[in-house]
Amino acid sequence: MVIASTTLQEDYWEFFELRDQDIEYLYNYLLENETPLTTAELLSVLLDERIRQGKIARDLERSQGCDPYLPKGQYHEGQELVFPHLGWRKGKVIHVRPGRNPDLGPFEVIRVQFSQGETREFAAGLENHVLNKPPEVEAEDDKFDKQAILETYGDLLSRRLEEGLRAHSDFVQIAGRWFPRALLVDINAGHLNLAEAVLDMSGGGPLPTIKLLEQIELQSNVNPKLLEFSMDYALQEDDRFDEVGAAGEVLWFLKRLEPAAVLEPPLHLKYHPIEEDRSLFTDEMLRLEASLQDELSPPPERLTKVDEAQICLIYPHWREGTLPLSAQTRLLFPTAYEAPRIRFTIVDGETNERFPAWVVRTHGYVYGLKEWYEKRGLIPGSYIKVQRSKKAGEVILTRLARRPGREYVRTVLVGSDGGIVFATLKHNVTTQFDERMAIVVPDVEGVDHAWDKVIKERIPFEKTVVSMFRELAKLNQQGLAHASELYAAVNLVRRCPPGPILSLINSRPWFVHVGDQHYRYTENDE
């Protein structure tokens, strides 16, 4: 018979907090199973236990301190019982006599008096009876439905479980899995030195833990998963090693053999924050900012998950061989539980060629594309399509090709004084590009000198913006420049997201908005 629960308040899971007995239970569970578990796995274990405890508490509350009646039980006069199948009514045994039914074998009949004076008789000592099965909780009672709990509160409970485990030094975590610190297998300095040598011979890595263990030949009679976890933890605590695997995969690399641009942002990606007034931003400006997909721009409040995205390169990323991890593209590249750097594989969508690259999560870019950019003839302003791969640890990049031909494209020239000048010249172009943001750079070294000049002479940001605007306006008969053109131009000499540029040109009277994010510079108002 189905019954309603009387325990667990409606907001029980909403105000879930990890208790000391929860910690002890999870500790013992891991101890008994000798297998490190993820947060999600531990949460499932803990929910099972909390639900079990909740059902016990519910039954105790309903039993009112009395034994529940089951036909298989033996009872005596004066004993108080509760009857689950009668809505947990309470009664007292007032008489016991032998039962008479040859088909059932020996059993007893008890007479029970209920609180209103009503008396009824029930069988006792019957092993086979439908009422021996305890009543189920209502199917629609989500407080006892683990799947319903996870669907509604899963993220909240996982976060609070992680916070609680991190607060206890008895637990350690590596690659998303937890285990008691005291039970880790001892991995000594000699083992770690051997691991370093193995990675060194492999060009730094990446190698999975199991490969390192095979080479080290660490002998142990413990659970292999525990041995692997212990090795992972020892490597994690040693600064020589870097865990670079995507979520669900542990891969190790020697930090000293990682590219410098993976450990710290390269010169052209270093951004020194510039003040901006976002209260000036119109919806049109916000849409433009989002469309430029700069990794330094604030993410939108809502983001739809996609399987592919299109990126327009700006000079800093073209120069360094990187790709921005914008709010949208970030969802397409591998992520990790903790690792700040992830080694993965890029697949060329045209040739199916594969090559390694890095996701630098902490600074928001993908590194390792310089050679690919050169081979595919990309320029600043070229379009690149990013696609999710069906294979874990891979991402598909495709240049948007076009029929080769000579096209008039904005070209950057560097004057004898180190200043930037623009001209519209013909070039052989093999990729599709954004006409506003495309810039051919025939003299990379000269542009680098212009970049260095801005840094060394500490040229003010506004002066740079005005200078670039003037140069862009010379190419336009109306003397106008679009905000995205200005964004691409400013990033030739200093790293800057769209926000500060939009804020500046909308806060100075000498920049006049004439519509559709086109502006005119009025020198007389300066």
Protein backbone atom coordinates (compact mmCIF):
# COMPACT_ATOMS: atom_id res chain seq x y z
CA MET A 1 0.00 0.00 0.00
CA VAL A 2 1.27 3.51 -0.81
CA ILE A 3 1.64 5.98 2.04
CA ALA A 4 2.67 9.60 2.41
CA SER A 5 5.97 10.55 4.04
CA THR A 6 5.94 12.63 7.20
CA THR A 7 9.66 13.51 7.43
CA LEU A 8 12.08 15.69 5.46
CA GLN A 9 10.80 19.23 5.19
CA GLU A 10 10.05 20.66 1.74
CA ASP A 11 13.30 22.69 1.79
CA TYR A 12 15.42 19.83 3.23
CA TRP A 13 17.66 19.45 0.15
CA GLU A 14 17.76 23.18 -0.55
CA PHE A 15 19.46 23.77 2.79
CA PHE A 16 21.64 20.65 2.64
CA GLU A 17 24.89 20.92 4.59
CA LEU A 18 27.59 18.30 5.04
CA ARG A 19 27.55 16.93 8.59
CA ASP A 20 30.29 15.25 10.60
CA GLN A 21 28.49 11.91 10.33
CA ASP A 22 28.37 12.36 6.54
CA ILE A 23 32.14 12.82 6.48
CA GLU A 24 32.63 9.75 8.64
CA TYR A 25 30.28 7.69 6.47
CA LEU A 26 32.04 8.68 3.22
CA TYR A 27 35.46 8.11 4.78
CA ASN A 28 34.49 4.58 5.83
CA TYR A 29 32.87 3.90 2.47
CA LEU A 30 36.06 4.83 0.63
CA LEU A 31 38.08 2.81 3.13
CA GLU A 32 36.00 -0.32 2.58
CA ASN A 33 35.92 -0.05 -1.21
CA GLU A 34 39.55 1.08 -1.67
CA THR A 35 38.55 2.96 -4.81
CA PRO A 36 38.78 6.75 -5.30
CA LEU A 37 35.45 8.25 -6.39
CA THR A 38 34.32 11.42 -8.14
CA THR A 39 32.18 14.04 -6.45
CA ALA A 40 29.16 12.78 -8.41
CA GLU A 41 29.80 9.19 -7.27
CA LEU A 42 30.22 10.25 -3.64
CA LEU A 43 27.08 12.35 -3.84
CA SER A 44 25.14 9.31 -5.07
CA VAL A 45 26.49 7.26 -2.16
CA LEU A 46 25.65 9.99 0.34
CA LEU A 47 22.13 10.48 -1.02
CA ASP A 48 21.46 6.77 -0.67
CA GLU A 49 22.47 6.99 2.98
CA ARG A 50 20.56 10.20 3.69
CA ILE A 51 17.42 8.74 2.07
CA ARG A 52 17.85 5.52 4.09
CA GLN A 53 18.14 7.56 7.28
CA GLY A 54 15.15 9.66 6.26
CA LYS A 55 13.02 6.57 5.75
CA ILE A 56 14.05 5.20 9.15
CA ALA A 57 13.17 8.51 10.77
CA ARG A 58 9.86 8.54 8.93
CA ASP A 59 9.01 5.04 10.09
CA LEU A 60 9.98 5.84 13.68
CA GLU A 61 7.77 8.89 13.63
CA ARG A 62 4.85 6.96 12.24
CA SER A 63 5.31 4.02 14.59
CA GLN A 64 4.94 6.34 17.59
CA GLY A 65 7.47 4.22 19.45
CA CYS A 66 5.59 0.98 18.71
CA ASP A 67 6.50 -2.06 16.63
CA PRO A 68 4.93 -2.15 13.17
CA TYR A 69 2.53 -5.00 12.55
CA LEU A 70 3.69 -7.59 9.99
CA PRO A 71 1.87 -10.94 9.57
CA LYS A 72 5.14 -12.86 10.08
CA GLY A 73 5.68 -11.37 13.55
CA GLN A 74 5.01 -12.92 16.96
CA TYR A 75 3.04 -10.76 19.41
CA HIS A 76 1.82 -10.91 23.02
CA GLU A 77 -1.04 -9.48 25.04
CA GLY A 78 -0.51 -5.88 26.10
CA GLN A 79 1.87 -5.14 23.21
CA GLU A 80 1.23 -1.91 21.31
CA LEU A 81 1.48 -2.00 17.52
CA VAL A 82 1.08 0.35 14.57
CA PHE A 83 -0.47 -0.83 11.32
CA PRO A 84 1.25 0.60 8.19
CA HIS A 85 -1.43 -0.74 5.85
CA LEU A 86 -4.14 1.03 7.91
CA GLY A 87 -2.57 4.47 7.69
CA TRP A 88 -0.30 3.82 10.71
CA ARG A 89 -3.19 3.46 13.17
CA LYS A 90 -2.13 2.48 16.69
CA GLY A 91 -3.63 -0.46 18.58
CA LYS A 92 -3.08 -2.76 21.57
CA VAL A 93 -3.04 -6.60 21.55
CA ILE A 94 -5.76 -7.73 23.95
CA HIS A 95 -5.88 -11.46 23.12
CA VAL A 96 -3.80 -14.14 21.36
CA ARG A 97 -5.18 -17.52 20.22
CA PRO A 98 -4.12 -20.32 17.85
CA GLY A 99 -5.29 -19.98 14.25
CA ARG A 100 -7.22 -22.74 12.47
CA ASN A 101 -6.58 -23.19 8.72
CA PRO A 102 -5.04 -26.45 7.45
CA ASP A 103 -3.89 -24.69 4.25
CA LEU A 104 -1.76 -22.21 6.16
CA GLY A 105 -0.09 -24.41 8.74
CA PRO A 106 0.45 -23.29 12.34
CA PHE A 107 -0.18 -19.58 13.02
CA GLU A 108 -1.84 -17.34 15.60
CA VAL A 109 -4.63 -14.81 15.62
CA ILE A 110 -4.29 -11.61 17.62
CA ARG A 111 -7.18 -9.39 18.63
CA VAL A 112 -6.32 -5.71 18.63
CA GLN A 113 -8.20 -2.83 20.18
CA PHE A 114 -7.78 0.59 18.52
CA SER A 115 -7.97 3.95 20.25
CA GLN A 116 -11.63 4.49 19.33
CA GLY A 117 -12.59 1.19 20.99
CA GLU A 118 -12.86 -0.75 17.72
CA THR A 119 -11.41 -4.31 17.80
CA ARG A 120 -10.13 -6.35 14.87
CA GLU A 121 -8.34 -9.66 14.46
CA PHE A 122 -5.10 -10.23 12.49
CA ALA A 123 -2.92 -13.22 11.61
CA ALA A 124 0.52 -13.61 13.21
CA GLY A 125 3.37 -16.02 12.57
CA LEU A 126 2.66 -16.24 8.80
CA GLU A 127 5.89 -16.14 6.77
CA ASN A 128 4.14 -15.90 3.40
CA HIS A 129 1.81 -12.94 3.30
CA VAL A 130 1.57 -9.89 1.04
CA LEU A 131 1.61 -7.49 3.99
CA ASN A 132 5.05 -8.72 5.11
CA LYS A 133 6.52 -6.39 2.46
CA PRO A 134 6.96 -2.92 3.98
CA PRO A 135 4.82 -0.20 2.35
CA GLU A 136 6.47 1.97 -0.26
CA VAL A 137 6.88 5.70 -0.10
CA GLU A 138 4.69 7.60 -2.50
CA ALA A 139 6.17 7.47 -5.97
CA GLU A 140 5.52 11.18 -6.39
CA ASP A 141 7.33 12.09 -3.15
CA ASP A 142 10.47 13.67 -4.60
CA LYS A 143 12.07 13.99 -1.17
CA PHE A 144 12.84 10.24 -1.29
CA ASP A 145 13.43 9.99 -5.06
CA LYS A 146 17.18 10.17 -5.70
CA GLN A 147 16.82 10.87 -9.40
CA ALA A 148 14.36 13.69 -8.76
CA ILE A 149 16.69 15.10 -6.07
CA LEU A 150 19.64 15.09 -8.48
CA GLU A 151 17.64 16.70 -11.26
CA THR A 152 16.46 19.51 -9.01
CA TYR A 153 19.37 20.03 -6.62
CA GLY A 154 22.28 18.13 -8.22
CA ASP A 155 24.52 21.14 -8.91
CA LEU A 156 23.84 22.69 -5.51
CA LEU A 157 24.49 19.43 -3.63
CA SER A 158 27.67 18.71 -5.62
CA ARG A 159 29.01 22.16 -4.86
CA ARG A 160 28.30 21.89 -1.15
CA LEU A 161 29.75 18.39 -1.00
CA GLU A 162 32.96 19.61 -2.67
CA GLU A 163 33.16 22.58 -0.30
CA GLY A 164 32.71 20.27 2.67
CA LEU A 165 35.33 17.77 1.51
CA ARG A 166 37.85 20.51 0.74
CA ALA A 167 37.43 21.82 4.27
CA HIS A 168 38.59 18.45 5.66
CA SER A 169 42.31 17.77 5.34
CA ASP A 170 41.59 14.04 5.66
CA PHE A 171 40.45 14.00 2.01
CA VAL A 172 42.58 14.63 -1.08
CA GLN A 173 41.40 15.20 -4.64
CA ILE A 174 43.08 14.66 -7.98
CA ALA A 175 41.45 14.85 -11.42
CA GLY A 176 38.04 15.08 -9.82
CA ARG A 177 38.38 11.97 -7.60
CA TRP A 178 38.55 11.81 -3.80
CA PHE A 179 40.23 9.50 -1.31
CA PRO A 180 41.36 9.57 2.36
CA ARG A 181 44.86 10.98 2.64
CA ALA A 182 45.93 8.48 5.31
CA LEU A 183 45.29 5.51 3.01
CA LEU A 184 47.43 6.65 0.09
CA VAL A 185 50.23 4.36 -1.03
CA ASP A 186 53.68 5.78 -0.27
CA ILE A 187 55.31 7.22 -3.40
CA ASN A 188 58.86 8.30 -2.57
CA ALA A 189 61.31 10.72 -4.19
CA GLY A 190 62.98 7.90 -6.10
CA HIS A 191 59.71 6.97 -7.79
CA LEU A 192 59.12 10.61 -8.77
CA ASN A 193 62.64 10.97 -10.16
CA LEU A 194 62.03 7.92 -12.33
CA ALA A 195 58.74 9.43 -13.50
CA GLU A 196 60.59 12.60 -14.49
CA ALA A 197 63.09 10.56 -16.49
CA VAL A 198 60.34 8.65 -18.30
CA LEU A 199 58.58 11.91 -19.26
CA ASP A 200 61.89 13.46 -20.29
CA MET A 201 62.51 10.62 -22.74
CA SER A 202 59.01 11.18 -24.12
CA GLY A 203 59.65 14.81 -24.94
CA GLY A 204 57.98 15.99 -21.77
CA GLY A 205 54.76 14.03 -22.29
CA PRO A 206 51.89 13.74 -22.16
CA LEU A 207 51.69 10.28 -20.65
CA PRO A 208 48.90 8.62 -18.64
CA THR A 209 49.65 7.52 -15.10
CA ILE A 210 49.42 3.83 -15.99
CA LYS A 211 52.29 4.23 -18.48
CA LEU A 212 54.46 5.86 -15.82
CA LEU A 213 53.68 3.07 -13.36
CA GLU A 214 54.62 0.45 -15.95
CA GLN A 215 57.99 2.11 -16.54
CA ILE A 216 58.69 2.68 -12.87
CA GLU A 217 57.66 -0.90 -12.05
CA LEU A 218 56.23 0.12 -8.69
CA GLN A 219 55.29 -3.11 -6.94
CA SER A 220 52.27 -3.10 -4.68
CA ASN A 221 49.54 -5.52 -3.70
CA VAL A 222 46.92 -2.79 -3.24
CA ASN A 223 43.99 -1.99 -5.47
CA PRO A 224 45.43 -0.81 -8.85
CA LYS A 225 43.06 2.18 -8.88
CA LEU A 226 44.29 3.23 -5.45
CA LEU A 227 47.91 2.84 -6.58
CA GLU A 228 47.21 4.99 -9.63
CA PHE A 229 45.44 7.60 -7.51
CA SER A 230 48.35 7.70 -5.05
CA MET A 231 50.79 8.23 -7.90
CA ASP A 232 48.60 10.99 -9.32
CA TYR A 233 48.52 12.75 -5.97
CA ALA A 234 52.29 12.51 -5.52
CA LEU A 235 52.84 13.93 -9.01
CA GLN A 236 50.33 16.71 -8.37
CA GLU A 237 52.16 17.78 -5.22
CA ASP A 238 55.51 17.96 -7.06
CA ASP A 239 56.14 21.22 -8.97
CA ARG A 240 58.04 19.39 -11.70
CA PHE A 241 54.88 17.82 -13.06
CA ASP A 242 51.78 19.26 -14.68
CA GLU A 243 48.46 17.42 -15.07
CA VAL A 244 47.26 18.34 -18.57
CA GLY A 245 44.43 15.90 -19.27
CA ALA A 246 40.89 16.88 -20.11
CA ALA A 247 38.10 16.09 -17.64
CA GLY A 248 37.98 12.34 -17.11
CA GLU A 249 41.52 11.76 -18.38
CA VAL A 250 44.76 12.15 -16.39
CA LEU A 251 47.85 12.99 -18.44
CA TRP A 252 51.21 14.18 -17.13
CA PHE A 253 53.74 16.59 -18.64
CA LEU A 254 57.06 17.97 -17.44
CA LYS A 255 56.46 21.61 -16.66
CA ARG A 256 59.97 22.66 -17.70
CA LEU A 257 59.38 21.29 -21.21
CA GLU A 258 56.04 23.02 -21.72
CA PRO A 259 56.00 25.99 -24.14
CA ALA A 260 56.60 29.30 -22.38
CA ALA A 261 53.37 30.68 -23.86
CA VAL A 262 51.44 27.95 -22.06
CA LEU A 263 52.80 28.87 -18.65
CA GLU A 264 52.42 32.65 -19.07
CA PRO A 265 50.59 34.77 -21.66
CA PRO A 266 52.92 35.77 -24.52
CA LEU A 267 53.70 39.43 -25.16
CA HIS A 268 50.83 40.19 -27.53
CA LEU A 269 48.19 38.64 -25.25
CA LYS A 270 49.18 40.51 -22.10
CA TYR A 271 46.43 42.90 -21.15
CA HIS A 272 46.77 45.69 -18.62
CA PRO A 273 43.18 46.52 -17.59
CA ILE A 274 41.80 49.81 -18.85
CA GLU A 275 38.91 51.58 -17.13
CA GLU A 276 35.58 51.43 -18.93
CA ASP A 277 32.10 52.75 -18.21
CA ARG A 278 29.69 49.99 -19.20
CA SER A 279 26.68 52.11 -18.27
CA LEU A 280 27.22 53.83 -21.63
CA PHE A 281 26.70 50.61 -23.56
CA THR A 282 23.57 50.32 -25.67
CA ASP A 283 22.07 46.99 -26.69
CA GLU A 284 23.66 47.47 -30.12
CA MET A 285 27.08 47.94 -28.54
CA LEU A 286 26.63 44.85 -26.37
CA ARG A 287 25.69 42.80 -29.43
CA LEU A 288 28.78 44.03 -31.25
CA GLU A 289 30.99 43.22 -28.26
CA ALA A 290 29.57 39.70 -28.06
CA SER A 291 30.00 39.13 -31.82
CA LEU A 292 33.71 39.98 -31.63
CA GLN A 293 34.20 37.05 -29.20
CA ASP A 294 37.16 38.52 -27.34
CA GLU A 295 38.25 36.29 -24.46
CA LEU A 296 38.70 39.36 -22.25
CA SER A 297 35.09 40.52 -22.64
CA PRO A 298 32.59 39.68 -19.87
CA PRO A 299 30.50 36.60 -20.71
CA PRO A 300 26.80 37.09 -21.50
CA GLU A 301 24.23 36.19 -18.87
CA ARG A 302 22.82 33.43 -21.04
CA LEU A 303 24.78 31.26 -23.40
CA THR A 304 23.34 28.62 -25.69
CA LYS A 305 25.38 25.45 -26.07
CA VAL A 306 26.49 24.99 -29.66
CA ASP A 307 28.42 22.38 -31.64
CA GLU A 308 30.33 24.92 -33.71
CA ALA A 309 31.31 28.58 -33.73
CA GLN A 310 33.04 31.03 -36.03
CA ILE A 311 35.95 33.22 -34.95
CA CYS A 312 37.48 36.24 -36.68
CA LEU A 313 41.22 36.47 -35.90
CA ILE A 314 42.71 39.66 -34.54
CA TYR A 315 46.40 40.50 -34.82
CA PRO A 316 47.57 39.45 -31.31
CA HIS A 317 46.20 35.92 -31.74
CA TRP A 318 47.45 35.68 -35.34
CA ARG A 319 50.90 36.88 -34.21
CA GLU A 320 51.19 34.42 -31.31
CA GLY A 321 49.48 31.44 -32.98
CA THR A 322 46.61 31.43 -30.50
CA LEU A 323 42.82 31.38 -30.58
CA PRO A 324 40.55 33.11 -28.06
CA LEU A 325 38.56 31.09 -25.57
CA SER A 326 35.53 33.31 -25.84
CA ALA A 327 32.34 32.64 -23.90
CA GLN A 328 31.11 30.56 -26.84
CA THR A 329 34.27 28.78 -28.04
CA ARG A 330 35.20 27.85 -24.47
CA LEU A 331 32.35 25.33 -24.58
CA LEU A 332 33.86 23.61 -27.62
CA PHE A 333 37.35 23.00 -26.27
CA PRO A 334 38.31 20.39 -23.66
CA THR A 335 37.99 21.43 -20.05
CA ALA A 336 39.24 19.88 -16.82
CA TYR A 337 38.31 19.51 -13.15
CA GLU A 338 41.35 21.42 -11.94
CA ALA A 339 44.15 21.49 -14.55
CA PRO A 340 44.88 25.07 -15.69
CA ARG A 341 46.49 23.74 -18.90
CA ILE A 342 45.15 20.98 -21.15
CA ARG A 343 47.03 19.21 -23.94
CA PHE A 344 44.68 18.13 -26.71
CA THR A 345 44.57 17.45 -30.45
CA ILE A 346 43.43 19.74 -33.24
CA VAL A 347 42.07 18.21 -36.43
CA ASP A 348 42.31 20.22 -39.65
CA GLY A 349 38.80 20.13 -41.09
CA GLU A 350 40.14 20.30 -44.67
CA THR A 351 42.98 17.77 -44.57
CA ASN A 352 42.19 15.72 -41.45
CA GLU A 353 45.75 16.48 -40.33
CA ARG A 354 46.21 16.24 -36.55
CA PHE A 355 48.57 18.22 -34.36
CA PRO A 356 48.88 18.98 -30.63
CA ALA A 357 47.76 22.21 -29.01
CA TRP A 358 47.09 23.58 -25.54
CA VAL A 359 44.06 25.05 -23.81
CA VAL A 360 45.29 27.68 -21.35
CA ARG A 361 42.19 27.92 -19.18
CA THR A 362 43.47 30.50 -16.68
CA HIS A 363 44.22 33.08 -19.37
CA GLY A 364 41.55 32.18 -21.90
CA TYR A 365 43.30 31.11 -25.08
CA VAL A 366 44.36 28.10 -27.15
CA TYR A 367 48.06 27.89 -28.07
CA GLY A 368 49.93 26.02 -30.80
CA LEU A 369 48.41 27.28 -34.07
CA LYS A 370 51.25 29.42 -35.50
CA GLU A 371 52.42 26.88 -38.07
CA TRP A 372 48.83 26.06 -39.06
CA TYR A 373 48.01 29.74 -39.61
CA GLU A 374 51.03 30.13 -41.89
CA LYS A 375 50.36 26.91 -43.79
CA ARG A 376 46.71 27.82 -44.37
CA GLY A 377 47.45 31.42 -45.40
CA LEU A 378 45.39 33.08 -42.68
CA ILE A 379 45.62 36.82 -42.03
CA PRO A 380 44.27 38.99 -39.21
CA GLY A 381 40.57 39.17 -39.99
CA SER A 382 40.32 35.64 -41.42
CA TYR A 383 37.43 33.45 -40.35
CA ILE A 384 38.00 30.12 -38.58
CA LYS A 385 35.29 27.57 -37.87
CA VAL A 386 35.57 25.70 -34.56
CA GLN A 387 33.68 22.42 -34.26
CA ARG A 388 33.12 19.94 -31.48
CA SER A 389 34.57 16.53 -32.33
CA LYS A 390 32.85 13.24 -31.62
CA LYS A 391 36.16 12.02 -30.19
CA ALA A 392 37.10 13.20 -26.71
CA GLY A 393 40.24 15.32 -26.56
CA GLU A 394 39.92 16.55 -30.15
CA VAL A 395 38.61 19.78 -31.71
CA ILE A 396 38.11 20.44 -35.43
CA LEU A 397 39.41 23.72 -36.87
CA THR A 398 38.63 24.72 -40.44
CA ARG A 399 39.71 27.84 -42.28
CA LEU A 400 36.93 29.27 -44.40
CA ALA A 401 38.60 29.01 -47.79
CA ARG A 402 37.89 31.05 -50.88
CA ARG A 403 39.05 30.91 -54.49
CA PRO A 404 42.57 32.39 -54.57
CA GLY A 405 42.78 35.82 -56.12
CA ARG A 406 44.11 39.32 -55.64
CA GLU A 407 41.88 41.46 -53.46
CA TYR A 408 42.07 44.99 -52.13
CA VAL A 409 42.67 44.61 -48.39
CA ARG A 410 43.58 47.09 -45.67
CA THR A 411 47.34 46.87 -45.20
CA VAL A 412 49.42 48.08 -42.28
CA LEU A 413 52.62 49.96 -43.05
CA VAL A 414 55.15 51.22 -40.53
CA GLY A 415 56.64 54.65 -41.07
CA SER A 416 60.25 55.63 -40.44
CA ASP A 417 59.16 57.12 -37.12
CA GLY A 418 57.66 53.80 -36.04
CA GLY A 419 54.11 55.04 -36.53
CA ILE A 420 51.29 52.98 -38.06
CA VAL A 421 49.89 53.90 -41.47
CA PHE A 422 47.08 52.15 -43.38
CA ALA A 423 46.76 51.69 -47.11
CA THR A 424 44.38 49.68 -49.27
CA LEU A 425 46.53 47.40 -51.42
CA LYS A 426 46.04 44.29 -53.51
CA HIS A 427 47.08 40.92 -52.03
CA ASN A 428 46.66 37.26 -52.84
CA VAL A 429 44.08 36.03 -50.35
CA THR A 430 42.97 32.40 -49.95
CA THR A 431 40.60 32.69 -46.98
CA GLN A 432 37.29 34.34 -46.28
CA PHE A 433 37.68 37.41 -44.09
CA ASP A 434 35.79 40.20 -42.36
CA GLU A 435 36.25 43.26 -44.57
CA ARG A 436 36.20 45.59 -41.58
CA MET A 437 38.73 43.67 -39.50
CA ALA A 438 41.03 42.22 -42.16
CA ILE A 439 44.56 43.63 -42.04
CA VAL A 440 47.49 42.32 -44.09
CA VAL A 441 50.77 42.62 -42.19
CA PRO A 442 53.69 42.48 -44.67
CA ASP A 443 56.22 43.75 -42.11
CA VAL A 444 55.67 41.82 -38.86
CA GLU A 445 58.97 43.01 -37.40
CA GLY A 446 58.01 46.64 -38.05
CA VAL A 447 54.64 46.19 -36.31
CA ASP A 448 56.44 44.54 -33.40
CA HIS A 449 58.62 47.64 -33.09
CA ALA A 450 55.48 49.82 -33.07
CA TRP A 451 54.09 47.60 -30.28
CA ASP A 452 57.32 47.95 -28.30
CA LYS A 453 57.23 51.72 -28.77
CA VAL A 454 53.76 51.95 -27.20
CA ILE A 455 55.01 49.98 -24.21
CA LYS A 456 58.35 51.76 -23.74
CA GLU A 457 57.02 55.28 -24.25
CA ARG A 458 53.85 54.50 -22.25
CA ILE A 459 51.70 56.09 -24.89
CA PRO A 460 48.27 56.82 -23.36
CA PHE A 461 45.43 54.59 -24.45
CA GLU A 462 43.29 57.48 -25.72
CA LYS A 463 46.15 58.80 -27.83
CA THR A 464 46.51 55.38 -29.46
CA VAL A 465 42.78 55.20 -30.19
CA VAL A 466 42.72 58.70 -31.71
CA SER A 467 45.79 57.95 -33.83
CA MET A 468 44.30 54.71 -35.17
CA PHE A 469 40.94 56.37 -35.83
CA ARG A 470 42.57 59.12 -37.89
CA GLU A 471 44.47 56.60 -40.00
CA LEU A 472 41.34 54.51 -40.61
CA ALA A 473 39.28 57.57 -41.50
CA LYS A 474 41.74 58.50 -44.26
CA LEU A 475 40.68 55.37 -46.16
CA ASN A 476 37.01 56.38 -46.08
CA GLN A 477 35.58 59.16 -48.27
CA GLN A 478 33.17 60.15 -45.50
CA GLY A 479 35.96 60.15 -42.92
CA LEU A 480 34.21 57.47 -40.86
CA ALA A 481 35.43 54.38 -39.02
CA HIS A 482 33.46 51.46 -37.65
CA ALA A 483 33.93 50.36 -34.02
CA SER A 484 35.07 46.87 -35.08
CA GLU A 485 37.65 48.40 -37.47
CA LEU A 486 38.98 50.49 -34.60
CA TYR A 487 39.10 47.42 -32.33
CA ALA A 488 41.16 45.48 -34.89
CA ALA A 489 43.48 48.46 -35.50
CA VAL A 490 44.17 49.26 -31.84
CA ASN A 491 45.11 45.61 -31.27
CA LEU A 492 47.99 46.03 -33.73
CA VAL A 493 49.93 47.98 -31.09
CA ARG A 494 48.40 46.99 -27.73
CA ARG A 495 46.11 44.26 -26.41
CA CYS A 496 42.67 45.58 -25.67
CA PRO A 497 39.17 44.05 -25.62
CA PRO A 498 36.29 45.94 -27.26
CA GLY A 499 34.87 47.28 -23.98
CA PRO A 500 37.38 50.08 -23.22
CA ILE A 501 37.36 51.21 -26.88
CA LEU A 502 33.56 51.40 -27.00
CA SER A 503 33.50 53.16 -23.64
CA LEU A 504 36.06 55.76 -24.77
CA ILE A 505 34.51 56.67 -28.12
CA ASN A 506 31.07 56.99 -26.52
CA SER A 507 32.28 59.21 -23.68
CA ARG A 508 34.25 61.81 -25.69
CA PRO A 509 32.44 64.59 -27.58
CA TRP A 510 34.96 64.53 -30.43
CA PHE A 511 33.80 61.03 -31.40
CA VAL A 512 30.38 61.39 -33.02
CA HIS A 513 28.22 58.31 -33.56
CA VAL A 514 26.52 58.56 -36.96
CA GLY A 515 24.69 55.22 -36.81
CA ASP A 516 25.31 51.47 -37.04
CA GLN A 517 28.46 51.78 -34.90
CA HIS A 518 30.12 54.14 -37.40
CA TYR A 519 31.84 57.18 -35.91
CA ARG A 520 33.30 60.48 -37.09
CA TYR A 521 36.19 62.22 -35.39
CA THR A 522 35.69 66.01 -35.04
CA GLU A 523 39.04 67.58 -34.31
CA ASN A 524 37.58 71.02 -33.61
CA ASP A 525 35.80 69.59 -30.53
CA GLU A 526 38.94 68.05 -29.09
